[in-house]
Each structure stands twice: as structure tokens, then as C-alpha cells.
PDB file of N, CA and C in Angstrom:
ATOM      1  N   MET A   1      -3.417 -21.943  -1.265  1.00  0.00           N
ATOM      2  CA  MET A   1      -2.942 -20.659  -0.803  1.00  0.00           C
ATOM      3  C   MET A   1      -3.915 -20.137   0.239  1.00  0.00           C
ATOM      4  N   GLU A   2      -3.421 -19.836   1.398  1.00  0.00           N
ATOM      5  CA  GLU A   2      -4.237 -19.339   2.489  1.00  0.00           C
ATOM      6  C   GLU A   2      -4.147 -17.816   2.539  1.00  0.00           C
ATOM      7  N   THR A   3      -5.277 -17.171   2.711  1.00  0.00           N
ATOM      8  CA  THR A   3      -5.307 -15.715   2.776  1.00  0.00           C
ATOM      9  C   THR A   3      -5.741 -15.289   4.162  1.00  0.00           C
ATOM     10  N   ILE A   4      -4.990 -14.399   4.749  1.00  0.00           N
ATOM     11  CA  ILE A   4      -5.331 -13.855   6.056  1.00  0.00           C
ATOM     12  C   ILE A   4      -5.480 -12.357   5.910  1.00  0.00           C
ATOM     13  N   ASN A   5      -6.638 -11.844   6.289  1.00  0.00           N
ATOM     14  CA  ASN A   5      -6.870 -10.407   6.205  1.00  0.00           C
ATOM     15  C   ASN A   5      -6.218  -9.739   7.398  1.00  0.00           C
ATOM     16  N   ASN A   6      -5.283  -8.868   7.136  1.00  0.00           N
ATOM     17  CA  ASN A   6      -4.487  -8.249   8.190  1.00  0.00           C
ATOM     18  C   ASN A   6      -4.597  -6.731   8.121  1.00  0.00           C
ATOM     19  N   THR A   7      -5.765  -6.217   7.762  1.00  0.00           N
ATOM     20  CA  THR A   7      -5.877  -4.781   7.555  1.00  0.00           C
ATOM     21  C   THR A   7      -5.780  -3.996   8.851  1.00  0.00           C
ATOM     22  N   SER A   8      -6.313  -4.517   9.944  1.00  0.00           N
ATOM     23  CA  SER A   8      -6.309  -3.758  11.185  1.00  0.00           C
ATOM     24  C   SER A   8      -4.885  -3.538  11.699  1.00  0.00           C
ATOM     25  N   ALA A   9      -4.014  -4.511  11.496  1.00  0.00           N
ATOM     26  CA  ALA A   9      -2.648  -4.384  11.983  1.00  0.00           C
ATOM     27  C   ALA A   9      -1.781  -3.566  11.031  1.00  0.00           C
ATOM     28  N   SER A  10      -2.134  -3.549   9.756  1.00  0.00           N
ATOM     29  CA  SER A  10      -1.257  -2.909   8.791  1.00  0.00           C
ATOM     30  C   SER A  10      -1.666  -1.470   8.460  1.00  0.00           C
ATOM     31  N   VAL A  11      -2.847  -1.044   8.879  1.00  0.00           N
ATOM     32  CA  VAL A  11      -3.273   0.328   8.610  1.00  0.00           C
ATOM     33  C   VAL A  11      -2.616   1.236   9.630  1.00  0.00           C
ATOM     34  N   ARG A  12      -1.826   2.156   9.150  1.00  0.00           N
ATOM     35  CA  ARG A  12      -1.138   3.088  10.031  1.00  0.00           C
ATOM     36  C   ARG A  12      -1.892   4.399  10.079  1.00  0.00           C
ATOM     37  N   GLU A  13      -1.807   5.049  11.195  1.00  0.00           N
ATOM     38  CA  GLU A  13      -2.435   6.363  11.317  1.00  0.00           C
ATOM     39  C   GLU A  13      -1.591   7.358  10.536  1.00  0.00           C
ATOM     40  N   ALA A  14      -2.202   7.993   9.561  1.00  0.00           N
ATOM     41  CA  ALA A  14      -1.486   8.919   8.694  1.00  0.00           C
ATOM     42  C   ALA A  14      -1.151  10.200   9.468  1.00  0.00           C
ATOM     43  N   LYS A  15       0.010  10.741   9.178  1.00  0.00           N
ATOM     44  CA  LYS A  15       0.416  12.003   9.764  1.00  0.00           C
ATOM     45  C   LYS A  15      -0.512  13.094   9.245  1.00  0.00           C
ATOM     46  N   LYS A  16      -0.874  14.016  10.100  1.00  0.00           N
ATOM     47  CA  LYS A  16      -1.773  15.096   9.713  1.00  0.00           C
ATOM     48  C   LYS A  16      -1.013  16.128   8.886  1.00  0.00           C
ATOM     49  N   GLY A  17      -0.997  15.930   7.592  1.00  0.00           N
ATOM     50  CA  GLY A  17      -0.324  16.840   6.686  1.00  0.00           C
ATOM     51  C   GLY A  17      -1.324  17.781   6.034  1.00  0.00           C
ATOM     52  N   LYS A  18      -0.838  18.610   5.153  1.00  0.00           N
ATOM     53  CA  LYS A  18      -1.693  19.576   4.467  1.00  0.00           C
ATOM     54  C   LYS A  18      -2.617  18.892   3.469  1.00  0.00           C
ATOM     55  N   TYR A  19      -2.177  17.779   2.904  1.00  0.00           N
ATOM     56  CA  TYR A  19      -2.974  17.075   1.897  1.00  0.00           C
ATOM     57  C   TYR A  19      -3.266  15.650   2.328  1.00  0.00           C
ATOM     58  N   ILE A  20      -4.331  15.105   1.777  1.00  0.00           N
ATOM     59  CA  ILE A  20      -4.654  13.687   1.904  1.00  0.00           C
ATOM     60  C   ILE A  20      -4.470  13.086   0.519  1.00  0.00           C
ATOM     61  N   TYR A  21      -3.722  11.999   0.450  1.00  0.00           N
ATOM     62  CA  TYR A  21      -3.415  11.366  -0.829  1.00  0.00           C
ATOM     63  C   TYR A  21      -4.262  10.102  -0.979  1.00  0.00           C
ATOM     64  N   LEU A  22      -4.878   9.953  -2.146  1.00  0.00           N
ATOM     65  CA  LEU A  22      -5.759   8.821  -2.401  1.00  0.00           C
ATOM     66  C   LEU A  22      -5.437   8.172  -3.735  1.00  0.00           C
ATOM     67  N   LEU A  23      -5.594   6.873  -3.804  1.00  0.00           N
ATOM     68  CA  LEU A  23      -5.620   6.148  -5.061  1.00  0.00           C
ATOM     69  C   LEU A  23      -7.080   5.808  -5.322  1.00  0.00           C
ATOM     70  N   VAL A  24      -7.577   6.131  -6.505  1.00  0.00           N
ATOM     71  CA  VAL A  24      -8.991   5.965  -6.816  1.00  0.00           C
ATOM     72  C   VAL A  24      -9.140   5.023  -8.011  1.00  0.00           C
ATOM     73  N   ILE A  25     -10.051   4.067  -7.898  1.00  0.00           N
ATOM     74  CA  ILE A  25     -10.395   3.190  -9.015  1.00  0.00           C
ATOM     75  C   ILE A  25     -11.662   3.734  -9.646  1.00  0.00           C
ATOM     76  N   GLN A  26     -11.605   3.973 -10.957  1.00  0.00           N
ATOM     77  CA  GLN A  26     -12.748   4.506 -11.691  1.00  0.00           C
ATOM     78  C   GLN A  26     -13.132   3.548 -12.818  1.00  0.00           C
ATOM     79  N   GLN A  27     -14.427   3.527 -13.147  1.00  0.00           N
ATOM     80  CA  GLN A  27     -14.904   2.747 -14.280  1.00  0.00           C
ATOM     81  C   GLN A  27     -15.811   3.609 -15.139  1.00  0.00           C
ATOM     82  N   ASN A  28     -15.823   3.299 -16.431  1.00  0.00           N
ATOM     83  CA  ASN A  28     -16.645   4.027 -17.388  1.00  0.00           C
ATOM     84  C   ASN A  28     -17.760   3.100 -17.858  1.00  0.00           C
ATOM     85  N   TYR A  29     -18.993   3.446 -17.489  1.00  0.00           N
ATOM     86  CA  TYR A  29     -20.161   2.650 -17.859  1.00  0.00           C
ATOM     87  C   TYR A  29     -20.878   3.230 -19.065  1.00  0.00           C
ATOM     88  N   GLY A  30     -20.264   4.185 -19.759  1.00  0.00           N
ATOM     89  CA  GLY A  30     -20.872   4.823 -20.915  1.00  0.00           C
ATOM     90  C   GLY A  30     -21.359   6.233 -20.620  1.00  0.00           C
ATOM     91  N   GLN A  31     -21.323   6.646 -19.374  1.00  0.00           N
ATOM     92  CA  GLN A  31     -21.765   7.980 -18.971  1.00  0.00           C
ATOM     93  C   GLN A  31     -20.604   8.846 -18.491  1.00  0.00           C
ATOM     94  N   GLY A  32     -19.397   8.378 -18.625  1.00  0.00           N
ATOM     95  CA  GLY A  32     -18.220   9.088 -18.113  1.00  0.00           C
ATOM     96  C   GLY A  32     -17.605   8.298 -16.971  1.00  0.00           C
ATOM     97  N   TRP A  33     -16.472   8.750 -16.492  1.00  0.00           N
ATOM     98  CA  TRP A  33     -15.742   8.036 -15.444  1.00  0.00           C
ATOM     99  C   TRP A  33     -16.394   8.277 -14.096  1.00  0.00           C
ATOM    100  N   GLU A  34     -16.631   7.194 -13.357  1.00  0.00           N
ATOM    101  CA  GLU A  34     -17.233   7.260 -12.030  1.00  0.00           C
ATOM    102  C   GLU A  34     -16.302   6.606 -11.023  1.00  0.00           C
ATOM    103  N   ASP A  35     -16.198   7.210  -9.832  1.00  0.00           N
ATOM    104  CA  ASP A  35     -15.379   6.643  -8.766  1.00  0.00           C
ATOM    105  C   ASP A  35     -16.056   5.399  -8.205  1.00  0.00           C
ATOM    106  N   ASN A  36     -15.287   4.332  -8.051  1.00  0.00           N
ATOM    107  CA  ASN A  36     -15.803   3.113  -7.421  1.00  0.00           C
ATOM    108  C   ASN A  36     -15.224   2.914  -6.035  1.00  0.00           C
ATOM    109  N   SER A  37     -13.919   3.048  -5.903  1.00  0.00           N
ATOM    110  CA  SER A  37     -13.249   2.831  -4.621  1.00  0.00           C
ATOM    111  C   SER A  37     -12.106   3.817  -4.480  1.00  0.00           C
ATOM    112  N   GLU A  38     -11.802   4.160  -3.232  1.00  0.00           N
ATOM    113  CA  GLU A  38     -10.631   4.995  -2.976  1.00  0.00           C
ATOM    114  C   GLU A  38      -9.887   4.440  -1.774  1.00  0.00           C
ATOM    115  N   TYR A  39      -8.555   4.587  -1.827  1.00  0.00           N
ATOM    116  CA  TYR A  39      -7.674   4.013  -0.822  1.00  0.00           C
ATOM    117  C   TYR A  39      -6.705   5.076  -0.341  1.00  0.00           C
ATOM    118  N   ALA A  40      -6.594   5.224   0.966  1.00  0.00           N
ATOM    119  CA  ALA A  40      -5.654   6.177   1.550  1.00  0.00           C
ATOM    120  C   ALA A  40      -4.233   5.685   1.337  1.00  0.00           C
ATOM    121  N   CYS A  41      -3.330   6.625   1.069  1.00  0.00           N
ATOM    122  CA  CYS A  41      -1.936   6.251   0.845  1.00  0.00           C
ATOM    123  C   CYS A  41      -1.030   7.382   1.311  1.00  0.00           C
ATOM    124  N   ASN A  42       0.274   7.129   1.277  1.00  0.00           N
ATOM    125  CA  ASN A  42       1.228   8.163   1.680  1.00  0.00           C
ATOM    126  C   ASN A  42       1.505   9.099   0.500  1.00  0.00           C
ATOM    127  N   SER A  43       2.393  10.043   0.675  1.00  0.00           N
ATOM    128  CA  SER A  43       2.642  11.042  -0.364  1.00  0.00           C
ATOM    129  C   SER A  43       3.316  10.459  -1.609  1.00  0.00           C
ATOM    130  N   ASN A  44       3.858   9.257  -1.507  1.00  0.00           N
ATOM    131  CA  ASN A  44       4.433   8.572  -2.672  1.00  0.00           C
ATOM    132  C   ASN A  44       3.420   7.644  -3.336  1.00  0.00           C
ATOM    133  N   TYR A  45       2.178   7.704  -2.880  1.00  0.00           N
ATOM    134  CA  TYR A  45       1.064   6.906  -3.394  1.00  0.00           C
ATOM    135  C   TYR A  45       1.271   5.406  -3.190  1.00  0.00           C
ATOM    136  N   TYR A  46       1.817   5.037  -2.037  1.00  0.00           N
ATOM    137  CA  TYR A  46       1.855   3.643  -1.622  1.00  0.00           C
ATOM    138  C   TYR A  46       0.706   3.432  -0.648  1.00  0.00           C
ATOM    139  N   PRO A  47      -0.229   2.522  -0.952  1.00  0.00           N
ATOM    140  CA  PRO A  47      -1.400   2.343  -0.076  1.00  0.00           C
ATOM    141  C   PRO A  47      -1.012   1.814   1.299  1.00  0.00           C
ATOM    142  N   TYR A  48      -1.776   2.237   2.324  1.00  0.00           N
ATOM    143  CA  TYR A  48      -1.533   1.780   3.687  1.00  0.00           C
ATOM    144  C   TYR A  48      -2.067   0.378   3.919  1.00  0.00           C
ATOM    145  N   GLU A  49      -3.193   0.039   3.328  1.00  0.00           N
ATOM    146  CA  GLU A  49      -3.849  -1.230   3.604  1.00  0.00           C
ATOM    147  C   GLU A  49      -3.217  -2.362   2.798  1.00  0.00           C
ATOM    148  N   THR A  50      -2.778  -3.392   3.508  1.00  0.00           N
ATOM    149  CA  THR A  50      -2.193  -4.553   2.854  1.00  0.00           C
ATOM    150  C   THR A  50      -2.852  -5.814   3.395  1.00  0.00           C
ATOM    151  N   GLU A  51      -2.653  -6.882   2.680  1.00  0.00           N
ATOM    152  CA  GLU A  51      -3.183  -8.175   3.082  1.00  0.00           C
ATOM    153  C   GLU A  51      -2.031  -9.171   3.057  1.00  0.00           C
ATOM    154  N   ARG A  52      -1.952  -9.979   4.078  1.00  0.00           N
ATOM    155  CA  ARG A  52      -0.875 -10.962   4.177  1.00  0.00           C
ATOM    156  C   ARG A  52      -1.352 -12.274   3.567  1.00  0.00           C
ATOM    157  N   ILE A  53      -0.586 -12.814   2.632  1.00  0.00           N
ATOM    158  CA  ILE A  53      -0.917 -14.073   1.980  1.00  0.00           C
ATOM    159  C   ILE A  53       0.175 -15.077   2.297  1.00  0.00           C
ATOM    160  N   ILE A  54      -0.230 -16.244   2.791  1.00  0.00           N
ATOM    161  CA  ILE A  54       0.725 -17.306   3.083  1.00  0.00           C
ATOM    162  C   ILE A  54       0.732 -18.256   1.894  1.00  0.00           C
ATOM    163  N   LEU A  55       1.868 -18.379   1.248  1.00  0.00           N
ATOM    164  CA  LEU A  55       2.020 -19.230   0.073  1.00  0.00           C
ATOM    165  C   LEU A  55       2.217 -20.684   0.492  1.00  0.00           C
ATOM    166  N   PRO A  56       2.033 -21.651  -0.428  1.00  0.00           N
ATOM    167  CA  PRO A  56       2.168 -23.075  -0.075  1.00  0.00           C
ATOM    168  C   PRO A  56       3.526 -23.456   0.514  1.00  0.00           C
ATOM    169  N   ASN A  57       4.586 -22.769   0.150  1.00  0.00           N
ATOM    170  CA  ASN A  57       5.915 -23.101   0.684  1.00  0.00           C
ATOM    171  C   ASN A  57       6.222 -22.321   1.957  1.00  0.00           C
ATOM    172  N   ASP A  58       5.187 -21.889   2.669  1.00  0.00           N
ATOM    173  CA  ASP A  58       5.275 -21.179   3.956  1.00  0.00           C
ATOM    174  C   ASP A  58       5.966 -19.823   3.859  1.00  0.00           C
ATOM    175  N   LYS A  59       6.015 -19.254   2.672  1.00  0.00           N
ATOM    176  CA  LYS A  59       6.518 -17.898   2.537  1.00  0.00           C
ATOM    177  C   LYS A  59       5.347 -16.933   2.691  1.00  0.00           C
ATOM    178  N   ILE A  60       5.635 -15.753   3.199  1.00  0.00           N
ATOM    179  CA  ILE A  60       4.597 -14.743   3.408  1.00  0.00           C
ATOM    180  C   ILE A  60       4.784 -13.644   2.388  1.00  0.00           C
ATOM    181  N   ARG A  61       3.686 -13.240   1.769  1.00  0.00           N
ATOM    182  CA  ARG A  61       3.716 -12.172   0.769  1.00  0.00           C
ATOM    183  C   ARG A  61       2.663 -11.138   1.137  1.00  0.00           C
ATOM    184  N   PHE A  62       3.018  -9.867   1.062  1.00  0.00           N
ATOM    185  CA  PHE A  62       2.082  -8.793   1.354  1.00  0.00           C
ATOM    186  C   PHE A  62       1.605  -8.177   0.046  1.00  0.00           C
ATOM    187  N   VAL A  63       0.284  -8.064  -0.111  1.00  0.00           N
ATOM    188  CA  VAL A  63      -0.325  -7.518  -1.311  1.00  0.00           C
ATOM    189  C   VAL A  63      -1.234  -6.371  -0.889  1.00  0.00           C
ATOM    190  N   SER A  64      -1.157  -5.250  -1.601  1.00  0.00           N
ATOM    191  CA  SER A  64      -2.034  -4.135  -1.250  1.00  0.00           C
ATOM    192  C   SER A  64      -3.459  -4.448  -1.691  1.00  0.00           C
ATOM    193  N   LEU A  65      -4.420  -4.004  -0.901  1.00  0.00           N
ATOM    194  CA  LEU A  65      -5.821  -4.216  -1.248  1.00  0.00           C
ATOM    195  C   LEU A  65      -6.183  -3.461  -2.513  1.00  0.00           C
ATOM    196  N   PHE A  66      -5.490  -2.344  -2.759  1.00  0.00           N
ATOM    197  CA  PHE A  66      -5.740  -1.577  -3.980  1.00  0.00           C
ATOM    198  C   PHE A  66      -5.457  -2.411  -5.220  1.00  0.00           C
ATOM    199  N   SER A  67      -4.292  -3.042  -5.287  1.00  0.00           N
ATOM    200  CA  SER A  67      -3.940  -3.820  -6.483  1.00  0.00           C
ATOM    201  C   SER A  67      -4.845  -5.038  -6.628  1.00  0.00           C
ATOM    202  N   LYS A  68      -5.233  -5.641  -5.517  1.00  0.00           N
ATOM    203  CA  LYS A  68      -6.119  -6.800  -5.562  1.00  0.00           C
ATOM    204  C   LYS A  68      -7.509  -6.394  -6.084  1.00  0.00           C
ATOM    205  N   ASP A  69      -8.038  -5.282  -5.567  1.00  0.00           N
ATOM    206  CA  ASP A  69      -9.355  -4.813  -6.003  1.00  0.00           C
ATOM    207  C   ASP A  69      -9.332  -4.330  -7.452  1.00  0.00           C
ATOM    208  N   LEU A  70      -8.228  -3.719  -7.884  1.00  0.00           N
ATOM    209  CA  LEU A  70      -8.126  -3.255  -9.260  1.00  0.00           C
ATOM    210  C   LEU A  70      -8.218  -4.435 -10.234  1.00  0.00           C
ATOM    211  N   LYS A  71      -7.595  -5.533  -9.905  1.00  0.00           N
ATOM    212  CA  LYS A  71      -7.691  -6.730 -10.747  1.00  0.00           C
ATOM    213  C   LYS A  71      -9.124  -7.241 -10.817  1.00  0.00           C
ATOM    214  N   GLU A  72      -9.832  -7.197  -9.681  1.00  0.00           N
ATOM    215  CA  GLU A  72     -11.216  -7.664  -9.666  1.00  0.00           C
ATOM    216  C   GLU A  72     -12.133  -6.750 -10.471  1.00  0.00           C
ATOM    217  N   TYR A  73     -11.919  -5.436 -10.386  1.00  0.00           N
ATOM    218  CA  TYR A  73     -12.735  -4.503 -11.168  1.00  0.00           C
ATOM    219  C   TYR A  73     -12.504  -4.690 -12.668  1.00  0.00           C
ATOM    220  N   ARG A  74     -11.289  -5.036 -13.063  1.00  0.00           N
ATOM    221  CA  ARG A  74     -10.996  -5.230 -14.484  1.00  0.00           C
ATOM    222  C   ARG A  74     -11.691  -6.470 -15.049  1.00  0.00           C
ATOM    223  N   LEU A  75     -12.064  -7.402 -14.197  1.00  0.00           N
ATOM    224  CA  LEU A  75     -12.770  -8.598 -14.640  1.00  0.00           C
ATOM    225  C   LEU A  75     -14.216  -8.310 -15.052  1.00  0.00           C
ATOM    226  N   THR A  76     -14.755  -7.150 -14.664  1.00  0.00           N
ATOM    227  CA  THR A  76     -16.156  -6.837 -14.970  1.00  0.00           C
ATOM    228  C   THR A  76     -16.390  -6.568 -16.446  1.00  0.00           C
ATOM    229  N   GLY A  77     -15.352  -6.197 -17.180  1.00  0.00           N
ATOM    230  CA  GLY A  77     -15.495  -5.950 -18.613  1.00  0.00           C
ATOM    231  C   GLY A  77     -15.662  -4.488 -18.980  1.00  0.00           C
ATOM    232  N   TYR A  78     -15.831  -3.617 -18.000  1.00  0.00           N
ATOM    233  CA  TYR A  78     -15.927  -2.180 -18.272  1.00  0.00           C
ATOM    234  C   TYR A  78     -14.529  -1.559 -18.295  1.00  0.00           C
ATOM    235  N   SER A  79     -14.425  -0.413 -18.942  1.00  0.00           N
ATOM    236  CA  SER A  79     -13.149   0.313 -18.948  1.00  0.00           C
ATOM    237  C   SER A  79     -12.831   0.717 -17.521  1.00  0.00           C
ATOM    238  N   THR A  80     -11.630   0.379 -17.082  1.00  0.00           N
ATOM    239  CA  THR A  80     -11.225   0.634 -15.698  1.00  0.00           C
ATOM    240  C   THR A  80      -9.893   1.360 -15.693  1.00  0.00           C
ATOM    241  N   ARG A  81      -9.763   2.331 -14.795  1.00  0.00           N
ATOM    242  CA  ARG A  81      -8.486   3.034 -14.643  1.00  0.00           C
ATOM    243  C   ARG A  81      -8.288   3.377 -13.177  1.00  0.00           C
ATOM    244  N   SER A  82      -7.052   3.681 -12.842  1.00  0.00           N
ATOM    245  CA  SER A  82      -6.745   4.159 -11.498  1.00  0.00           C
ATOM    246  C   SER A  82      -6.110   5.540 -11.624  1.00  0.00           C
ATOM    247  N   ILE A  83      -6.486   6.410 -10.707  1.00  0.00           N
ATOM    248  CA  ILE A  83      -5.933   7.763 -10.711  1.00  0.00           C
ATOM    249  C   ILE A  83      -5.395   8.083  -9.325  1.00  0.00           C
ATOM    250  N   ARG A  84      -4.537   9.090  -9.292  1.00  0.00           N
ATOM    251  CA  ARG A  84      -4.014   9.614  -8.032  1.00  0.00           C
ATOM    252  C   ARG A  84      -4.747  10.918  -7.738  1.00  0.00           C
ATOM    253  N   ARG A  85      -5.194  11.067  -6.502  1.00  0.00           N
ATOM    254  CA  ARG A  85      -5.939  12.269  -6.133  1.00  0.00           C
ATOM    255  C   ARG A  85      -5.332  12.858  -4.863  1.00  0.00           C
ATOM    256  N   ARG A  86      -5.174  14.161  -4.859  1.00  0.00           N
ATOM    257  CA  ARG A  86      -4.667  14.876  -3.696  1.00  0.00           C
ATOM    258  C   ARG A  86      -5.712  15.900  -3.304  1.00  0.00           C
ATOM    259  N   ILE A  87      -6.202  15.816  -2.074  1.00  0.00           N
ATOM    260  CA  ILE A  87      -7.203  16.769  -1.603  1.00  0.00           C
ATOM    261  C   ILE A  87      -6.669  17.476  -0.361  1.00  0.00           C
ATOM    262  N   VAL A  88      -7.178  18.663  -0.103  1.00  0.00           N
ATOM    263  CA  VAL A  88      -6.739  19.449   1.043  1.00  0.00           C
ATOM    264  C   VAL A  88      -7.318  18.845   2.314  1.00  0.00           C
ATOM    265  N   ASN A  89      -6.474  18.664   3.324  1.00  0.00           N
ATOM    266  CA  ASN A  89      -6.884  18.121   4.607  1.00  0.00           C
ATOM    267  C   ASN A  89      -7.552  19.220   5.418  1.00  0.00           C
ATOM    268  N   LYS A  90      -8.814  19.053   5.758  1.00  0.00           N
ATOM    269  CA  LYS A  90      -9.552  20.056   6.517  1.00  0.00           C
ATOM    270  C   LYS A  90      -9.108  20.133   7.970  1.00  0.00           C
ATOM    271  N   ASP A  91      -8.483  19.058   8.477  1.00  0.00           N
ATOM    272  CA  ASP A  91      -8.023  19.020   9.865  1.00  0.00           C
ATOM    273  C   ASP A  91      -6.613  19.566  10.039  1.00  0.00           C
ATOM    274  N   TYR A  92      -6.004  20.026   8.966  1.00  0.00           N
ATOM    275  CA  TYR A  92      -4.629  20.517   9.027  1.00  0.00           C
ATOM    276  C   TYR A  92      -4.565  21.844   9.771  1.00  0.00           C
ATOM    277  N   VAL A  93      -3.646  21.916  10.733  1.00  0.00           N
ATOM    278  CA  VAL A  93      -3.423  23.154  11.484  1.00  0.00           C
ATOM    279  C   VAL A  93      -1.941  23.488  11.366  1.00  0.00           C
ATOM    280  N   LYS A  94      -1.642  24.736  10.998  1.00  0.00           N
ATOM    281  CA  LYS A  94      -0.237  25.147  10.849  1.00  0.00           C
ATOM    282  C   LYS A  94       0.460  25.234  12.172  1.00  0.00           C
TER     283      LYS A  94
END
């Protein structure tokens, strides 16, 4: 299976809305939940960053970097969760 990183082509410039939507991966190391990674997404919480994977039968599959990284964080053995976060966009102008 060949992996091609296609983040530069697949990252879209987000519309300047009132909020910024993020998917956050958190882990608990015994001191409470800590943020490890965050990914920009649209208002439906679909991440912008994807990676194109070419399968052995020449089919192309797109996988979000969020789901790929979440699987890797779960391999560490610590409690892992993902949350949705909405923050106010400071650049928003009415």
C-alpha cells in the first residue's frame, strides 16, 4: 500500500465565520485530560486535512489525518478520547 501525503492540496481555506470548529485528541496520563492534537474542520466537524492512499488494486482512498492520528494515539495505552470544540473567531467582522 502506497501512501501519498496530499495535505497541501486538500486543505481548504476556511470561510471566516463567527466560530472556529476543532476536533481535539486528548489523553489522560493520570493528571486529567490534556490536549495532544487539534484539527481544523467545518461546522459539521468534518476535518479539512486528508491523505490520499493508493491501494494495491489501484483504487484511491481518502483518509482524514484526524482518524489516522487517533488510531496511533490509542496504541500508546493511555486513555484517549476525541472532543469537538467551538471557539470564537477573533478575525470575524460583521
